[in-house]
Amino acid sequence: MAKPEFNCSVKVQFLPEQSQGGQHAWAYTITITNSGDVTAQLVARCWLITDATGHEEEVRGLAVVGHQPVLKPGESFEYTSWTSLATPQGTMRGTFYCMTEEARPFEAEVAEFMLAHPGALH
């Protein structure tokens, strides 16, 4: 039986020029690779963004940066987006909702990653 699978990796960069007025901003670059053996499409996403006080925000929507990429086995799609927090550090984790060509749904998890102001970590 065919196995749909997307693997995700993340790179985070603090954005000092966008971090003003009590807000701290980060860019994150996500690379999604079809590591399965069937062609599939990323349809939607859900992010859980948590600041240092434990305040959690859920962001859901169709597509990523306006795209719903279709990836053949071995192909990758990379995009960059950004987020901001009221605290100098926090975390993000997410789920991509995907669909095979045969309309079989599956999920690709993005493991929790750190958002940290370079001066906030000891």
PDB file of N, CA and C in Angstrom:
ATOM      1  N   MET A   1       0.846  -1.196   0.000  1.00  0.00           N
ATOM      2  CA  MET A   1       0.000   0.000   0.000  1.00  0.00           C
ATOM      3  C   MET A   1       0.884   1.251   0.000  1.00  0.00           C
ATOM      4  N   ALA A   2       0.474   2.225  -0.783  1.00  0.00           N
ATOM      5  CA  ALA A   2       1.221   3.479  -0.892  1.00  0.00           C
ATOM      6  C   ALA A   2       1.207   4.232   0.433  1.00  0.00           C
ATOM      7  N   LYS A   3       2.310   4.887   0.724  1.00  0.00           N
ATOM      8  CA  LYS A   3       2.427   5.590   1.995  1.00  0.00           C
ATOM      9  C   LYS A   3       2.656   7.082   1.748  1.00  0.00           C
ATOM     10  N   PRO A   4       1.653   7.920   2.097  1.00  0.00           N
ATOM     11  CA  PRO A   4       1.867   9.361   1.990  1.00  0.00           C
ATOM     12  C   PRO A   4       2.623   9.870   3.222  1.00  0.00           C
ATOM     13  N   GLU A   5       3.631  10.724   2.981  1.00  0.00           N
ATOM     14  CA  GLU A   5       4.370  11.285   4.111  1.00  0.00           C
ATOM     15  C   GLU A   5       5.099  12.551   3.676  1.00  0.00           C
ATOM     16  N   PHE A   6       4.936  13.610   4.468  1.00  0.00           N
ATOM     17  CA  PHE A   6       5.699  14.839   4.277  1.00  0.00           C
ATOM     18  C   PHE A   6       6.564  15.039   5.514  1.00  0.00           C
ATOM     19  N   ASN A   7       7.840  15.368   5.326  1.00  0.00           N
ATOM     20  CA  ASN A   7       8.728  15.743   6.423  1.00  0.00           C
ATOM     21  C   ASN A   7       8.928  17.252   6.374  1.00  0.00           C
ATOM     22  N   CYS A   8       9.039  17.871   7.538  1.00  0.00           N
ATOM     23  CA  CYS A   8       9.151  19.320   7.619  1.00  0.00           C
ATOM     24  C   CYS A   8      10.364  19.720   8.440  1.00  0.00           C
ATOM     25  N   SER A   9      11.093  20.718   7.958  1.00  0.00           N
ATOM     26  CA  SER A   9      12.190  21.282   8.745  1.00  0.00           C
ATOM     27  C   SER A   9      12.003  22.791   8.827  1.00  0.00           C
ATOM     28  N   VAL A  10      12.596  23.397   9.869  1.00  0.00           N
ATOM     29  CA  VAL A  10      12.360  24.808  10.177  1.00  0.00           C
ATOM     30  C   VAL A  10      13.681  25.522  10.433  1.00  0.00           C
ATOM     31  N   LYS A  11      13.775  26.751   9.923  1.00  0.00           N
ATOM     32  CA  LYS A  11      14.861  27.672  10.289  1.00  0.00           C
ATOM     33  C   LYS A  11      14.196  28.944  10.801  1.00  0.00           C
ATOM     34  N   VAL A  12      14.693  29.477  11.923  1.00  0.00           N
ATOM     35  CA  VAL A  12      14.098  30.663  12.543  1.00  0.00           C
ATOM     36  C   VAL A  12      15.124  31.791  12.557  1.00  0.00           C
ATOM     37  N   GLN A  13      14.645  33.010  12.307  1.00  0.00           N
ATOM     38  CA  GLN A  13      15.518  34.175  12.369  1.00  0.00           C
ATOM     39  C   GLN A  13      14.797  35.304  13.090  1.00  0.00           C
ATOM     40  N   PHE A  14      15.438  35.862  14.122  1.00  0.00           N
ATOM     41  CA  PHE A  14      14.889  37.020  14.838  1.00  0.00           C
ATOM     42  C   PHE A  14      14.910  38.234  13.912  1.00  0.00           C
ATOM     43  N   LEU A  15      13.860  39.073  13.974  1.00  0.00           N
ATOM     44  CA  LEU A  15      13.754  40.259  13.124  1.00  0.00           C
ATOM     45  C   LEU A  15      13.829  41.520  13.984  1.00  0.00           C
ATOM     46  N   PRO A  16      15.036  42.018  14.274  1.00  0.00           N
ATOM     47  CA  PRO A  16      15.141  43.179  15.165  1.00  0.00           C
ATOM     48  C   PRO A  16      14.435  44.424  14.632  1.00  0.00           C
ATOM     49  N   GLU A  17      14.457  44.621  13.303  1.00  0.00           N
ATOM     50  CA  GLU A  17      13.840  45.831  12.740  1.00  0.00           C
ATOM     51  C   GLU A  17      12.310  45.817  12.847  1.00  0.00           C
ATOM     52  N   GLN A  18      11.695  44.619  12.980  1.00  0.00           N
ATOM     53  CA  GLN A  18      10.240  44.533  13.153  1.00  0.00           C
ATOM     54  C   GLN A  18       9.847  44.398  14.623  1.00  0.00           C
ATOM     55  N   SER A  19      10.826  44.370  15.513  1.00  0.00           N
ATOM     56  CA  SER A  19      10.565  44.148  16.939  1.00  0.00           C
ATOM     57  C   SER A  19      10.613  45.478  17.675  1.00  0.00           C
ATOM     58  N   GLN A  20       9.420  46.077  17.803  1.00  0.00           N
ATOM     59  CA  GLN A  20       9.320  47.380  18.456  1.00  0.00           C
ATOM     60  C   GLN A  20       8.020  47.449  19.240  1.00  0.00           C
ATOM     61  N   GLY A  21       7.956  48.382  20.154  1.00  0.00           N
ATOM     62  CA  GLY A  21       6.714  48.636  20.889  1.00  0.00           C
ATOM     63  C   GLY A  21       6.220  47.430  21.666  1.00  0.00           C
ATOM     64  N   GLY A  22       7.142  46.669  22.264  1.00  0.00           N
ATOM     65  CA  GLY A  22       6.725  45.516  23.061  1.00  0.00           C
ATOM     66  C   GLY A  22       6.440  44.258  22.261  1.00  0.00           C
ATOM     67  N   GLN A  23       6.612  44.321  20.933  1.00  0.00           N
ATOM     68  CA  GLN A  23       6.425  43.133  20.099  1.00  0.00           C
ATOM     69  C   GLN A  23       7.789  42.617  19.663  1.00  0.00           C
ATOM     70  N   HIS A  24       7.907  41.308  19.588  1.00  0.00           N
ATOM     71  CA  HIS A  24       9.141  40.650  19.172  1.00  0.00           C
ATOM     72  C   HIS A  24       8.789  39.794  17.958  1.00  0.00           C
ATOM     73  N   ALA A  25       9.530  39.968  16.850  1.00  0.00           N
ATOM     74  CA  ALA A  25       9.155  39.321  15.586  1.00  0.00           C
ATOM     75  C   ALA A  25      10.232  38.353  15.111  1.00  0.00           C
ATOM     76  N   TRP A  26       9.766  37.280  14.471  1.00  0.00           N
ATOM     77  CA  TRP A  26      10.651  36.259  13.907  1.00  0.00           C
ATOM     78  C   TRP A  26      10.160  35.873  12.520  1.00  0.00           C
ATOM     79  N   ALA A  27      11.107  35.591  11.632  1.00  0.00           N
ATOM     80  CA  ALA A  27      10.794  34.941  10.363  1.00  0.00           C
ATOM     81  C   ALA A  27      11.083  33.461  10.555  1.00  0.00           C
ATOM     82  N   TYR A  28      10.265  32.623   9.938  1.00  0.00           N
ATOM     83  CA  TYR A  28      10.550  31.187   9.951  1.00  0.00           C
ATOM     84  C   TYR A  28      10.415  30.649   8.540  1.00  0.00           C
ATOM     85  N   THR A  29      11.387  29.838   8.163  1.00  0.00           N
ATOM     86  CA  THR A  29      11.406  29.222   6.838  1.00  0.00           C
ATOM     87  C   THR A  29      11.133  27.736   7.010  1.00  0.00           C
ATOM     88  N   ILE A  30      10.089  27.268   6.355  1.00  0.00           N
ATOM     89  CA  ILE A  30       9.667  25.873   6.440  1.00  0.00           C
ATOM     90  C   ILE A  30      10.016  25.181   5.123  1.00  0.00           C
ATOM     91  N   THR A  31      10.685  24.038   5.225  1.00  0.00           N
ATOM     92  CA  THR A  31      10.917  23.198   4.052  1.00  0.00           C
ATOM     93  C   THR A  31      10.093  21.929   4.223  1.00  0.00           C
ATOM     94  N   ILE A  32       9.216  21.682   3.264  1.00  0.00           N
ATOM     95  CA  ILE A  32       8.331  20.513   3.285  1.00  0.00           C
ATOM     96  C   ILE A  32       8.799  19.583   2.172  1.00  0.00           C
ATOM     97  N   THR A  33       9.147  18.360   2.524  1.00  0.00           N
ATOM     98  CA  THR A  33       9.634  17.389   1.543  1.00  0.00           C
ATOM     99  C   THR A  33       8.698  16.188   1.516  1.00  0.00           C
ATOM    100  N   ASN A  34       8.311  15.787   0.318  1.00  0.00           N
ATOM    101  CA  ASN A  34       7.491  14.585   0.179  1.00  0.00           C
ATOM    102  C   ASN A  34       8.422  13.381   0.321  1.00  0.00           C
ATOM    103  N   SER A  35       8.409  12.783   1.509  1.00  0.00           N
ATOM    104  CA  SER A  35       9.264  11.630   1.794  1.00  0.00           C
ATOM    105  C   SER A  35       8.493  10.320   1.645  1.00  0.00           C
ATOM    106  N   GLY A  36       7.261  10.418   1.176  1.00  0.00           N
ATOM    107  CA  GLY A  36       6.458   9.223   0.940  1.00  0.00           C
ATOM    108  C   GLY A  36       6.648   8.712  -0.477  1.00  0.00           C
ATOM    109  N   ASP A  37       5.741   7.853  -0.907  1.00  0.00           N
ATOM    110  CA  ASP A  37       5.874   7.293  -2.254  1.00  0.00           C
ATOM    111  C   ASP A  37       4.661   7.577  -3.134  1.00  0.00           C
ATOM    112  N   VAL A  38       3.877   8.602  -2.765  1.00  0.00           N
ATOM    113  CA  VAL A  38       2.743   9.032  -3.600  1.00  0.00           C
ATOM    114  C   VAL A  38       2.734  10.560  -3.695  1.00  0.00           C
ATOM    115  N   THR A  39       2.252  11.067  -4.818  1.00  0.00           N
ATOM    116  CA  THR A  39       2.088  12.505  -5.002  1.00  0.00           C
ATOM    117  C   THR A  39       0.971  12.993  -4.076  1.00  0.00           C
ATOM    118  N   ALA A  40       1.203  14.149  -3.449  1.00  0.00           N
ATOM    119  CA  ALA A  40       0.207  14.668  -2.515  1.00  0.00           C
ATOM    120  C   ALA A  40       0.267  16.194  -2.479  1.00  0.00           C
ATOM    121  N   GLN A  41      -0.794  16.786  -1.938  1.00  0.00           N
ATOM    122  CA  GLN A  41      -0.929  18.238  -1.900  1.00  0.00           C
ATOM    123  C   GLN A  41      -1.088  18.728  -0.475  1.00  0.00           C
ATOM    124  N   LEU A  42      -0.396  19.821  -0.151  1.00  0.00           N
ATOM    125  CA  LEU A  42      -0.609  20.512   1.119  1.00  0.00           C
ATOM    126  C   LEU A  42      -1.826  21.412   0.931  1.00  0.00           C
ATOM    127  N   VAL A  43      -2.830  21.244   1.775  1.00  0.00           N
ATOM    128  CA  VAL A  43      -4.102  21.945   1.591  1.00  0.00           C
ATOM    129  C   VAL A  43      -4.295  23.066   2.613  1.00  0.00           C
ATOM    130  N   ALA A  44      -3.955  22.797   3.875  1.00  0.00           N
ATOM    131  CA  ALA A  44      -4.225  23.769   4.937  1.00  0.00           C
ATOM    132  C   ALA A  44      -3.199  23.599   6.048  1.00  0.00           C
ATOM    133  N   ARG A  45      -3.237  24.565   6.998  1.00  0.00           N
ATOM    134  CA  ARG A  45      -2.306  24.480   8.116  1.00  0.00           C
ATOM    135  C   ARG A  45      -2.951  24.982   9.399  1.00  0.00           C
ATOM    136  N   CYS A  46      -2.366  24.543  10.516  1.00  0.00           N
ATOM    137  CA  CYS A  46      -2.762  25.016  11.841  1.00  0.00           C
ATOM    138  C   CYS A  46      -1.492  25.212  12.651  1.00  0.00           C
ATOM    139  N   TRP A  47      -1.304  26.406  13.206  1.00  0.00           N
ATOM    140  CA  TRP A  47      -0.151  26.709  14.059  1.00  0.00           C
ATOM    141  C   TRP A  47      -0.618  26.985  15.469  1.00  0.00           C
ATOM    142  N   LEU A  48       0.116  26.515  16.454  1.00  0.00           N
ATOM    143  CA  LEU A  48      -0.080  26.886  17.850  1.00  0.00           C
ATOM    144  C   LEU A  48       1.146  27.680  18.267  1.00  0.00           C
ATOM    145  N   ILE A  49       0.913  28.947  18.595  1.00  0.00           N
ATOM    146  CA  ILE A  49       1.992  29.868  18.948  1.00  0.00           C
ATOM    147  C   ILE A  49       1.819  30.219  20.423  1.00  0.00           C
ATOM    148  N   THR A  50       2.843  29.946  21.227  1.00  0.00           N
ATOM    149  CA  THR A  50       2.757  30.135  22.671  1.00  0.00           C
ATOM    150  C   THR A  50       3.846  31.102  23.119  1.00  0.00           C
ATOM    151  N   ASP A  51       3.448  32.140  23.886  1.00  0.00           N
ATOM    152  CA  ASP A  51       4.464  33.064  24.387  1.00  0.00           C
ATOM    153  C   ASP A  51       4.972  32.600  25.749  1.00  0.00           C
ATOM    154  N   ALA A  52       5.911  33.357  26.312  1.00  0.00           N
ATOM    155  CA  ALA A  52       6.582  32.949  27.553  1.00  0.00           C
ATOM    156  C   ALA A  52       5.639  32.935  28.767  1.00  0.00           C
ATOM    157  N   THR A  53       4.484  33.608  28.654  1.00  0.00           N
ATOM    158  CA  THR A  53       3.532  33.604  29.768  1.00  0.00           C
ATOM    159  C   THR A  53       2.563  32.427  29.676  1.00  0.00           C
ATOM    160  N   GLY A  54       2.662  31.650  28.577  1.00  0.00           N
ATOM    161  CA  GLY A  54       1.749  30.531  28.377  1.00  0.00           C
ATOM    162  C   GLY A  54       0.536  30.876  27.534  1.00  0.00           C
ATOM    163  N   HIS A  55       0.418  32.146  27.121  1.00  0.00           N
ATOM    164  CA  HIS A  55      -0.692  32.546  26.237  1.00  0.00           C
ATOM    165  C   HIS A  55      -0.529  31.849  24.889  1.00  0.00           C
ATOM    166  N   GLU A  56      -1.581  31.144  24.451  1.00  0.00           N
ATOM    167  CA  GLU A  56      -1.516  30.371  23.207  1.00  0.00           C
ATOM    168  C   GLU A  56      -2.467  30.951  22.174  1.00  0.00           C
ATOM    169  N   GLU A  57      -1.974  31.075  20.960  1.00  0.00           N
ATOM    170  CA  GLU A  57      -2.797  31.534  19.844  1.00  0.00           C
ATOM    171  C   GLU A  57      -2.810  30.452  18.786  1.00  0.00           C
ATOM    172  N   GLU A  58      -4.005  30.167  18.257  1.00  0.00           N
ATOM    173  CA  GLU A  58      -4.137  29.176  17.197  1.00  0.00           C
ATOM    174  C   GLU A  58      -4.409  29.910  15.888  1.00  0.00           C
ATOM    175  N   VAL A  59      -3.634  29.575  14.861  1.00  0.00           N
ATOM    176  CA  VAL A  59      -3.798  30.184  13.545  1.00  0.00           C
ATOM    177  C   VAL A  59      -4.081  29.063  12.554  1.00  0.00           C
ATOM    178  N   ARG A  60      -5.274  29.107  11.934  1.00  0.00           N
ATOM    179  CA  ARG A  60      -5.671  28.084  10.964  1.00  0.00           C
ATOM    180  C   ARG A  60      -5.970  28.747   9.635  1.00  0.00           C
ATOM    181  N   GLY A  61      -5.765  28.017   8.558  1.00  0.00           N
ATOM    182  CA  GLY A  61      -6.145  28.565   7.271  1.00  0.00           C
ATOM    183  C   GLY A  61      -5.803  27.626   6.133  1.00  0.00           C
ATOM    184  N   LEU A  62      -6.364  27.937   4.977  1.00  0.00           N
ATOM    185  CA  LEU A  62      -6.052  27.196   3.767  1.00  0.00           C
ATOM    186  C   LEU A  62      -4.717  27.676   3.238  1.00  0.00           C
ATOM    187  N   ALA A  63      -3.960  26.792   2.661  1.00  0.00           N
ATOM    188  CA  ALA A  63      -2.708  27.109   1.961  1.00  0.00           C
ATOM    189  C   ALA A  63      -1.624  27.605   2.915  1.00  0.00           C
ATOM    190  N   VAL A  64      -0.431  27.804   2.368  1.00  0.00           N
ATOM    191  CA  VAL A  64       0.681  28.447   3.056  1.00  0.00           C
ATOM    192  C   VAL A  64       1.180  29.537   2.126  1.00  0.00           C
ATOM    193  N   VAL A  65       1.263  30.752   2.607  1.00  0.00           N
ATOM    194  CA  VAL A  65       1.621  31.940   1.813  1.00  0.00           C
ATOM    195  C   VAL A  65       0.963  31.917   0.422  1.00  0.00           C
ATOM    196  N   GLY A  66      -0.322  31.590   0.395  1.00  0.00           N
ATOM    197  CA  GLY A  66      -1.081  31.607  -0.853  1.00  0.00           C
ATOM    198  C   GLY A  66      -0.873  30.415  -1.771  1.00  0.00           C
ATOM    199  N   HIS A  67      -0.153  29.404  -1.317  1.00  0.00           N
ATOM    200  CA  HIS A  67       0.137  28.238  -2.166  1.00  0.00           C
ATOM    201  C   HIS A  67      -0.415  26.959  -1.541  1.00  0.00           C
ATOM    202  N   GLN A  68      -0.858  26.051  -2.406  1.00  0.00           N
ATOM    203  CA  GLN A  68      -1.235  24.695  -2.009  1.00  0.00           C
ATOM    204  C   GLN A  68      -0.409  23.749  -2.873  1.00  0.00           C
ATOM    205  N   PRO A  69       0.895  23.619  -2.539  1.00  0.00           N
ATOM    206  CA  PRO A  69       1.796  22.888  -3.431  1.00  0.00           C
ATOM    207  C   PRO A  69       1.457  21.408  -3.559  1.00  0.00           C
ATOM    208  N   VAL A  70       1.587  20.903  -4.788  1.00  0.00           N
ATOM    209  CA  VAL A  70       1.479  19.478  -5.071  1.00  0.00           C
ATOM    210  C   VAL A  70       2.911  18.966  -5.207  1.00  0.00           C
ATOM    211  N   LEU A  71       3.274  17.989  -4.380  1.00  0.00           N
ATOM    212  CA  LEU A  71       4.647  17.483  -4.358  1.00  0.00           C
ATOM    213  C   LEU A  71       4.689  16.015  -4.757  1.00  0.00           C
ATOM    214  N   LYS A  72       5.491  15.726  -5.777  1.00  0.00           N
ATOM    215  CA  LYS A  72       5.752  14.333  -6.145  1.00  0.00           C
ATOM    216  C   LYS A  72       6.761  13.770  -5.149  1.00  0.00           C
ATOM    217  N   PRO A  73       6.863  12.444  -5.022  1.00  0.00           N
ATOM    218  CA  PRO A  73       7.856  11.867  -4.111  1.00  0.00           C
ATOM    219  C   PRO A  73       9.246  12.458  -4.362  1.00  0.00           C
ATOM    220  N   GLY A  74       9.893  12.897  -3.279  1.00  0.00           N
ATOM    221  CA  GLY A  74      11.218  13.489  -3.377  1.00  0.00           C
ATOM    222  C   GLY A  74      11.246  14.986  -3.593  1.00  0.00           C
ATOM    223  N   GLU A  75      10.123  15.591  -3.990  1.00  0.00           N
ATOM    224  CA  GLU A  75      10.089  17.033  -4.217  1.00  0.00           C
ATOM    225  C   GLU A  75       9.908  17.787  -2.905  1.00  0.00           C
ATOM    226  N   SER A  76      10.384  19.049  -2.902  1.00  0.00           N
ATOM    227  CA  SER A  76      10.265  19.901  -1.722  1.00  0.00           C
ATOM    228  C   SER A  76       9.628  21.228  -2.088  1.00  0.00           C
ATOM    229  N   PHE A  77       9.050  21.871  -1.084  1.00  0.00           N
ATOM    230  CA  PHE A  77       8.512  23.222  -1.212  1.00  0.00           C
ATOM    231  C   PHE A  77       8.995  23.996   0.003  1.00  0.00           C
ATOM    232  N   GLU A  78       9.514  25.199  -0.230  1.00  0.00           N
ATOM    233  CA  GLU A  78      10.012  26.012   0.875  1.00  0.00           C
ATOM    234  C   GLU A  78       9.299  27.351   0.871  1.00  0.00           C
ATOM    235  N   TYR A  79       8.932  27.837   2.048  1.00  0.00           N
ATOM    236  CA  TYR A  79       8.338  29.170   2.146  1.00  0.00           C
ATOM    237  C   TYR A  79       8.788  29.828   3.444  1.00  0.00           C
ATOM    238  N   THR A  80       8.714  31.151   3.445  1.00  0.00           N
ATOM    239  CA  THR A  80       9.050  31.925   4.633  1.00  0.00           C
ATOM    240  C   THR A  80       7.849  32.758   5.036  1.00  0.00           C
ATOM    241  N   SER A  81       7.555  32.768   6.322  1.00  0.00           N
ATOM    242  CA  SER A  81       6.504  33.605   6.876  1.00  0.00           C
ATOM    243  C   SER A  81       7.056  34.222   8.156  1.00  0.00           C
ATOM    244  N   TRP A  82       6.212  34.859   8.933  1.00  0.00           N
ATOM    245  CA  TRP A  82       6.700  35.471  10.167  1.00  0.00           C
ATOM    246  C   TRP A  82       5.600  35.490  11.217  1.00  0.00           C
ATOM    247  N   THR A  83       6.005  35.725  12.454  1.00  0.00           N
ATOM    248  CA  THR A  83       5.068  35.847  13.563  1.00  0.00           C
ATOM    249  C   THR A  83       5.660  36.815  14.574  1.00  0.00           C
ATOM    250  N   SER A  84       4.823  37.293  15.492  1.00  0.00           N
ATOM    251  CA  SER A  84       5.337  38.150  16.556  1.00  0.00           C
ATOM    252  C   SER A  84       4.679  37.767  17.873  1.00  0.00           C
ATOM    253  N   LEU A  85       5.403  38.051  18.958  1.00  0.00           N
ATOM    254  CA  LEU A  85       4.937  37.765  20.313  1.00  0.00           C
ATOM    255  C   LEU A  85       5.121  39.001  21.186  1.00  0.00           C
ATOM    256  N   ALA A  86       4.385  39.060  22.290  1.00  0.00           N
ATOM    257  CA  ALA A  86       4.544  40.138  23.258  1.00  0.00           C
ATOM    258  C   ALA A  86       5.680  39.841  24.232  1.00  0.00           C
ATOM    259  N   THR A  87       6.253  38.637  24.168  1.00  0.00           N
ATOM    260  CA  THR A  87       7.367  38.268  25.044  1.00  0.00           C
ATOM    261  C   THR A  87       8.596  37.976  24.176  1.00  0.00           C
ATOM    262  N   PRO A  88       9.822  38.081  24.755  1.00  0.00           N
ATOM    263  CA  PRO A  88      11.021  37.881  23.948  1.00  0.00           C
ATOM    264  C   PRO A  88      11.314  36.429  23.595  1.00  0.00           C
ATOM    265  N   GLN A  89      10.496  35.513  24.087  1.00  0.00           N
ATOM    266  CA  GLN A  89      10.646  34.130  23.643  1.00  0.00           C
ATOM    267  C   GLN A  89       9.315  33.404  23.720  1.00  0.00           C
ATOM    268  N   GLY A  90       9.260  32.296  22.992  1.00  0.00           N
ATOM    269  CA  GLY A  90       8.052  31.479  22.939  1.00  0.00           C
ATOM    270  C   GLY A  90       8.326  30.276  22.059  1.00  0.00           C
ATOM    271  N   THR A  91       7.249  29.581  21.686  1.00  0.00           N
ATOM    272  CA  THR A  91       7.387  28.402  20.845  1.00  0.00           C
ATOM    273  C   THR A  91       6.286  28.386  19.793  1.00  0.00           C
ATOM    274  N   MET A  92       6.544  27.606  18.750  1.00  0.00           N
ATOM    275  CA  MET A  92       5.541  27.340  17.717  1.00  0.00           C
ATOM    276  C   MET A  92       5.584  25.863  17.389  1.00  0.00           C
ATOM    277  N   ARG A  93       4.414  25.311  17.068  1.00  0.00           N
ATOM    278  CA  ARG A  93       4.345  23.967  16.506  1.00  0.00           C
ATOM    279  C   ARG A  93       3.145  23.942  15.588  1.00  0.00           C
ATOM    280  N   GLY A  94       3.137  23.008  14.665  1.00  0.00           N
ATOM    281  CA  GLY A  94       2.062  23.057  13.684  1.00  0.00           C
ATOM    282  C   GLY A  94       1.734  21.728  13.057  1.00  0.00           C
ATOM    283  N   THR A  95       0.656  21.769  12.280  1.00  0.00           N
ATOM    284  CA  THR A  95       0.197  20.620  11.510  1.00  0.00           C
ATOM    285  C   THR A  95      -0.181  21.108  10.124  1.00  0.00           C
ATOM    286  N   PHE A  96       0.319  20.396   9.114  1.00  0.00           N
ATOM    287  CA  PHE A  96      -0.130  20.622   7.744  1.00  0.00           C
ATOM    288  C   PHE A  96      -1.131  19.533   7.402  1.00  0.00           C
ATOM    289  N   TYR A  97      -2.260  19.946   6.838  1.00  0.00           N
ATOM    290  CA  TYR A  97      -3.296  19.005   6.418  1.00  0.00           C
ATOM    291  C   TYR A  97      -3.111  18.773   4.922  1.00  0.00           C
ATOM    292  N   CYS A  98      -2.921  17.517   4.558  1.00  0.00           N
ATOM    293  CA  CYS A  98      -2.525  17.161   3.199  1.00  0.00           C
ATOM    294  C   CYS A  98      -3.500  16.134   2.617  1.00  0.00           C
ATOM    295  N   MET A  99      -3.424  15.970   1.289  1.00  0.00           N
ATOM    296  CA  MET A  99      -4.336  15.072   0.582  1.00  0.00           C
ATOM    297  C   MET A  99      -3.583  14.396  -0.553  1.00  0.00           C
ATOM    298  N   THR A 100      -3.740  13.080  -0.655  1.00  0.00           N
ATOM    299  CA  THR A 100      -3.132  12.370  -1.778  1.00  0.00           C
ATOM    300  C   THR A 100      -3.980  12.586  -3.032  1.00  0.00           C
ATOM    301  N   GLU A 101      -3.437  12.173  -4.178  1.00  0.00           N
ATOM    302  CA  GLU A 101      -4.190  12.276  -5.436  1.00  0.00           C
ATOM    303  C   GLU A 101      -5.468  11.451  -5.394  1.00  0.00           C
ATOM    304  N   GLU A 102      -5.499  10.429  -4.552  1.00  0.00           N
ATOM    305  CA  GLU A 102      -6.714   9.609  -4.411  1.00  0.00           C
ATOM    306  C   GLU A 102      -7.637  10.140  -3.325  1.00  0.00           C
ATOM    307  N   ALA A 103      -7.405  11.404  -2.914  1.00  0.00           N
ATOM    308  CA  ALA A 103      -8.229  12.085  -1.909  1.00  0.00           C
ATOM    309  C   ALA A 103      -8.192  11.392  -0.547  1.00  0.00           C
ATOM    310  N   ARG A 104      -7.015  10.832  -0.198  1.00  0.00           N
ATOM    311  CA  ARG A 104      -6.819  10.276   1.138  1.00  0.00           C
ATOM    312  C   ARG A 104      -6.122  11.327   1.988  1.00  0.00           C
ATOM    313  N   PRO A 105      -6.780  11.780   3.076  1.00  0.00           N
ATOM    314  CA  PRO A 105      -6.160  12.812   3.904  1.00  0.00           C
ATOM    315  C   PRO A 105      -5.066  12.251   4.812  1.00  0.00           C
ATOM    316  N   PHE A 106      -4.064  13.072   5.074  1.00  0.00           N
ATOM    317  CA  PHE A 106      -3.045  12.738   6.067  1.00  0.00           C
ATOM    318  C   PHE A 106      -2.494  14.039   6.634  1.00  0.00           C
ATOM    319  N   GLU A 107      -1.795  13.943   7.740  1.00  0.00           N
ATOM    320  CA  GLU A 107      -1.245  15.122   8.394  1.00  0.00           C
ATOM    321  C   GLU A 107       0.267  15.046   8.442  1.00  0.00           C
ATOM    322  N   ALA A 108       0.908  16.199   8.373  1.00  0.00           N
ATOM    323  CA  ALA A 108       2.363  16.314   8.534  1.00  0.00           C
ATOM    324  C   ALA A 108       2.612  17.249   9.712  1.00  0.00           C
ATOM    325  N   GLU A 109       3.265  16.742  10.727  1.00  0.00           N
ATOM    326  CA  GLU A 109       3.512  17.527  11.937  1.00  0.00           C
ATOM    327  C   GLU A 109       4.786  18.355  11.787  1.00  0.00           C
ATOM    328  N   VAL A 110       4.745  19.571  12.338  1.00  0.00           N
ATOM    329  CA  VAL A 110       5.942  20.391  12.473  1.00  0.00           C
ATOM    330  C   VAL A 110       6.263  20.398  13.960  1.00  0.00           C
ATOM    331  N   ALA A 111       7.374  19.776  14.326  1.00  0.00           N
ATOM    332  CA  ALA A 111       7.752  19.674  15.738  1.00  0.00           C
ATOM    333  C   ALA A 111       7.913  21.070  16.337  1.00  0.00           C
ATOM    334  N   GLU A 112       7.668  21.155  17.640  1.00  0.00           N
ATOM    335  CA  GLU A 112       7.784  22.437  18.327  1.00  0.00           C
ATOM    336  C   GLU A 112       9.182  23.028  18.141  1.00  0.00           C
ATOM    337  N   PHE A 113       9.224  24.324  17.860  1.00  0.00           N
ATOM    338  CA  PHE A 113      10.515  25.013  17.735  1.00  0.00           C
ATOM    339  C   PHE A 113      10.463  26.310  18.532  1.00  0.00           C
ATOM    340  N   MET A 114      11.658  26.758  18.888  1.00  0.00           N
ATOM    341  CA  MET A 114      11.823  27.903  19.772  1.00  0.00           C
ATOM    342  C   MET A 114      11.836  29.214  19.008  1.00  0.00           C
ATOM    343  N   LEU A 115      11.148  30.212  19.573  1.00  0.00           N
ATOM    344  CA  LEU A 115      11.264  31.586  19.109  1.00  0.00           C
ATOM    345  C   LEU A 115      11.947  32.323  20.253  1.00  0.00           C
ATOM    346  N   ALA A 116      13.156  32.839  20.029  1.00  0.00           N
ATOM    347  CA  ALA A 116      13.874  33.475  21.130  1.00  0.00           C
ATOM    348  C   ALA A 116      14.642  34.690  20.640  1.00  0.00           C
ATOM    349  N   HIS A 117      14.498  35.795  21.359  1.00  0.00           N
ATOM    350  CA  HIS A 117      15.303  36.989  21.130  1.00  0.00           C
ATOM    351  C   HIS A 117      16.736  36.601  21.466  1.00  0.00           C
ATOM    352  N   PRO A 118      17.713  36.924  20.611  1.00  0.00           N
ATOM    353  CA  PRO A 118      19.088  36.481  20.876  1.00  0.00           C
ATOM    354  C   PRO A 118      19.603  36.848  22.274  1.00  0.00           C
ATOM    355  N   GLY A 119      19.139  37.967  22.837  1.00  0.00           N
ATOM    356  CA  GLY A 119      19.593  38.368  24.171  1.00  0.00           C
ATOM    357  C   GLY A 119      18.780  37.777  25.306  1.00  0.00           C
ATOM    358  N   ALA A 120      17.733  37.004  24.976  1.00  0.00           N
ATOM    359  CA  ALA A 120      16.817  36.496  26.013  1.00  0.00           C
ATOM    360  C   ALA A 120      17.248  35.158  26.591  1.00  0.00           C
ATOM    361  N   LEU A 121      18.142  34.456  25.912  1.00  0.00           N
ATOM    362  CA  LEU A 121      18.578  33.150  26.399  1.00  0.00           C
ATOM    363  C   LEU A 121      19.877  33.281  27.165  1.00  0.00           C
ATOM    364  N   HIS A 122      20.006  32.518  28.249  1.00  0.00           N
ATOM    365  CA  HIS A 122      21.226  32.583  29.074  1.00  0.00           C
ATOM    366  C   HIS A 122      22.091  31.377  28.814  1.00  0.00           C
TER     367      HIS A 122
END
